[in-house]
C-alpha atoms as a PDB file:
ATOM      1  CA  MET A   1      -2.865   6.103 -12.337  1.00  0.00           C
ATOM      2  CA  GLU A   2      -3.605   3.394 -14.530  1.00  0.00           C
ATOM      3  CA  LEU A   3      -5.274   0.210 -12.986  1.00  0.00           C
ATOM      4  CA  THR A   4      -3.608  -2.172 -15.465  1.00  0.00           C
ATOM      5  CA  ARG A   5      -0.193  -1.366 -13.518  1.00  0.00           C
ATOM      6  CA  CYS A   6       1.538  -3.858 -11.393  1.00  0.00           C
ATOM      7  CA  TYR A   7       3.692  -2.697  -8.403  1.00  0.00           C
ATOM      8  CA  ARG A   8       6.309  -4.032  -6.172  1.00  0.00           C
ATOM      9  CA  LYS A   9       7.479  -3.397  -2.432  1.00  0.00           C
ATOM     10  CA  ASP A  10      10.608  -1.167  -2.887  1.00  0.00           C
ATOM     11  CA  SER A  11      12.871  -3.645  -1.007  1.00  0.00           C
ATOM     12  CA  LEU A  12      14.276  -0.805   1.462  1.00  0.00           C
ATOM     13  CA  MET A  13      10.764  -0.651   3.166  1.00  0.00           C
ATOM     14  CA  VAL A  14       9.727  -2.580   5.700  1.00  0.00           C
ATOM     15  CA  ALA A  15       6.262  -3.187   6.982  1.00  0.00           C
ATOM     16  CA  ARG A  16       5.808  -4.251  11.124  1.00  0.00           C
ATOM     17  CA  ARG A  17       2.383  -4.756  13.014  1.00  0.00           C
ATOM     18  CA  VAL A  18       2.665  -3.411  16.629  1.00  0.00           C
ATOM     19  CA  ALA A  19      -0.791  -3.861  18.489  1.00  0.00           C
ATOM     20  CA  ASP A  20      -3.097  -2.689  16.253  1.00  0.00           C
ATOM     21  CA  GLU A  21      -1.349  -1.231  13.408  1.00  0.00           C
ATOM     22  CA  VAL A  22       0.996  -1.742  10.945  1.00  0.00           C
ATOM     23  CA  ILE A  23       3.893   1.079  10.660  1.00  0.00           C
ATOM     24  CA  LEU A  24       6.184   1.453   6.963  1.00  0.00           C
ATOM     25  CA  VAL A  25       9.618   2.321   7.686  1.00  0.00           C
ATOM     26  CA  PRO A  26      12.417   3.008   5.148  1.00  0.00           C
ATOM     27  CA  ILE A  27      15.282   1.388   6.074  1.00  0.00           C
ATOM     28  CA  ARG A  28      17.258   3.735   3.742  1.00  0.00           C
ATOM     29  CA  GLN A  29      16.713   6.827   5.906  1.00  0.00           C
ATOM     30  CA  ASN A  30      17.364   7.653   9.496  1.00  0.00           C
ATOM     31  CA  VAL A  31      14.901   5.545  11.079  1.00  0.00           C
ATOM     32  CA  GLY A  32      15.224   7.409  13.819  1.00  0.00           C
ATOM     33  CA  ASP A  33      12.862  10.341  11.669  1.00  0.00           C
ATOM     34  CA  LEU A  34       9.638  10.391  13.263  1.00  0.00           C
ATOM     35  CA  GLN A  35       8.642  11.611   9.302  1.00  0.00           C
ATOM     36  CA  SER A  36       9.767   8.401   7.582  1.00  0.00           C
ATOM     37  CA  ILE A  37       7.988   6.106   9.614  1.00  0.00           C
ATOM     38  CA  TYR A  38       4.163   5.722   8.129  1.00  0.00           C
ATOM     39  CA  THR A  39       1.183   3.926   9.762  1.00  0.00           C
ATOM     40  CA  MET A  40      -1.081   2.197   8.208  1.00  0.00           C
ATOM     41  CA  ASN A  41      -4.521   1.700   8.401  1.00  0.00           C
ATOM     42  CA  GLU A  42      -6.424  -2.072   7.981  1.00  0.00           C
ATOM     43  CA  VAL A  43      -7.354  -1.292   4.356  1.00  0.00           C
ATOM     44  CA  GLY A  44      -4.012   0.494   3.941  1.00  0.00           C
ATOM     45  CA  ALA A  45      -2.034  -2.910   5.226  1.00  0.00           C
ATOM     46  CA  ARG A  46      -4.571  -4.959   3.708  1.00  0.00           C
ATOM     47  CA  ILE A  47      -3.299  -3.192  -0.112  1.00  0.00           C
ATOM     48  CA  TRP A  48       0.254  -3.459   1.126  1.00  0.00           C
ATOM     49  CA  GLU A  49       0.092  -7.038   1.487  1.00  0.00           C
ATOM     50  CA  LEU A  50      -2.138  -7.471  -1.418  1.00  0.00           C
ATOM     51  CA  LEU A  51       1.070  -6.233  -3.528  1.00  0.00           C
ATOM     52  CA  ASP A  52       3.031  -9.595  -2.494  1.00  0.00           C
ATOM     53  CA  SER A  53       0.579 -10.719  -5.009  1.00  0.00           C
ATOM     54  CA  GLU A  54       1.638  -9.324  -8.426  1.00  0.00           C
ATOM     55  CA  GLY A  55      -1.396  -8.461  -9.527  1.00  0.00           C
ATOM     56  CA  THR A  56      -2.602  -5.087 -11.169  1.00  0.00           C
ATOM     57  CA  ALA A  57      -3.707  -2.613  -9.306  1.00  0.00           C
ATOM     58  CA  ALA A  58      -7.456  -3.553 -10.809  1.00  0.00           C
ATOM     59  CA  ASP A  59      -6.680  -6.531  -8.812  1.00  0.00           C
ATOM     60  CA  MET A  60      -6.302  -4.855  -5.875  1.00  0.00           C
ATOM     61  CA  VAL A  61      -9.591  -2.594  -6.335  1.00  0.00           C
ATOM     62  CA  SER A  62     -11.945  -5.929  -7.184  1.00  0.00           C
ATOM     63  CA  ALA A  63     -10.071  -8.046  -3.804  1.00  0.00           C
ATOM     64  CA  ILE A  64     -10.584  -4.359  -1.655  1.00  0.00           C
ATOM     65  CA  GLY A  65     -14.404  -4.147  -3.048  1.00  0.00           C
ATOM     66  CA  ARG A  66     -14.824  -7.894  -2.123  1.00  0.00           C
ATOM     67  CA  GLU A  67     -13.048  -7.900   1.636  1.00  0.00           C
ATOM     68  CA  TYR A  68     -14.799  -4.847   2.620  1.00  0.00           C
ATOM     69  CA  GLU A  69     -18.233  -4.697   0.726  1.00  0.00           C
ATOM     70  CA  VAL A  70     -17.850  -1.092  -0.828  1.00  0.00           C
ATOM     71  CA  GLU A  71     -18.965   0.407  -4.170  1.00  0.00           C
ATOM     72  CA  GLN A  72     -15.962  -0.410  -6.394  1.00  0.00           C
ATOM     73  CA  ALA A  73     -15.784   3.400  -7.570  1.00  0.00           C
ATOM     74  CA  GLN A  74     -14.853   3.659  -3.623  1.00  0.00           C
ATOM     75  CA  ALA A  75     -12.735   1.000  -3.747  1.00  0.00           C
ATOM     76  CA  GLU A  76     -11.357   2.108  -6.956  1.00  0.00           C
ATOM     77  CA  ALA A  77     -10.256   5.588  -5.029  1.00  0.00           C
ATOM     78  CA  ASP A  78      -9.167   4.083  -2.075  1.00  0.00           C
ATOM     79  CA  VAL A  79      -6.644   1.717  -3.763  1.00  0.00           C
ATOM     80  CA  VAL A  80      -5.281   4.367  -6.025  1.00  0.00           C
ATOM     81  CA  ASP A  81      -5.027   7.221  -3.411  1.00  0.00           C
ATOM     82  CA  PHE A  82      -3.167   4.443  -1.640  1.00  0.00           C
ATOM     83  CA  LEU A  83      -1.265   3.479  -3.986  1.00  0.00           C
ATOM     84  CA  ALA A  84      -0.348   7.241  -5.403  1.00  0.00           C
ATOM     85  CA  LYS A  85       0.968   7.914  -1.406  1.00  0.00           C
ATOM     86  CA  LEU A  86       3.139   4.888  -1.480  1.00  0.00           C
ATOM     87  CA  GLU A  87       4.853   5.836  -4.477  1.00  0.00           C
ATOM     88  CA  SER A  88       5.373   9.289  -3.496  1.00  0.00           C
ATOM     89  CA  ILE A  89       7.021   8.105  -0.745  1.00  0.00           C
ATOM     90  CA  GLY A  90       9.131   5.578  -2.655  1.00  0.00           C
ATOM     91  CA  ALA A  91       7.996   2.782  -1.099  1.00  0.00           C
ATOM     92  CA  ILE A  92       6.794   1.464  -4.233  1.00  0.00           C
ATOM     93  CA  ALA A  93       7.513   1.261  -7.655  1.00  0.00           C
ATOM     94  CA  LEU A  94       5.815  -0.119 -11.254  1.00  0.00           C
ATOM     95  CA  ALA A  95       6.775  -3.947 -11.595  1.00  0.00           C
END
C-alpha cells in the first residue's frame, strides 16, 4: 500500500458508536448477517474518522503516531494493516 494514496469511505458503510465500541455496518448487505458487522478498537475508529480529512495515508500515519505517542514504524504498520482490512471488506476505496 502506498502512503501517498488518498482513500474515501464507501457511502454504503456506516459507523456508529455503541457504548464503548464503534461498529461498522454495511447497508448494502443483510445487516442481520453478523459476519457483515465489524467492530473497531479506538485506533481503528480514529483512522476511520481521519478518512474524512481527505489526507493521504501518510497523513494518517503522522496523526496516529502523534496522538497515540507511538513510533512512526508502529503507526505505519497499524494504519497500513487497518486500511488493507477496510479495503478488503469494501469499506473504503481510492479517492
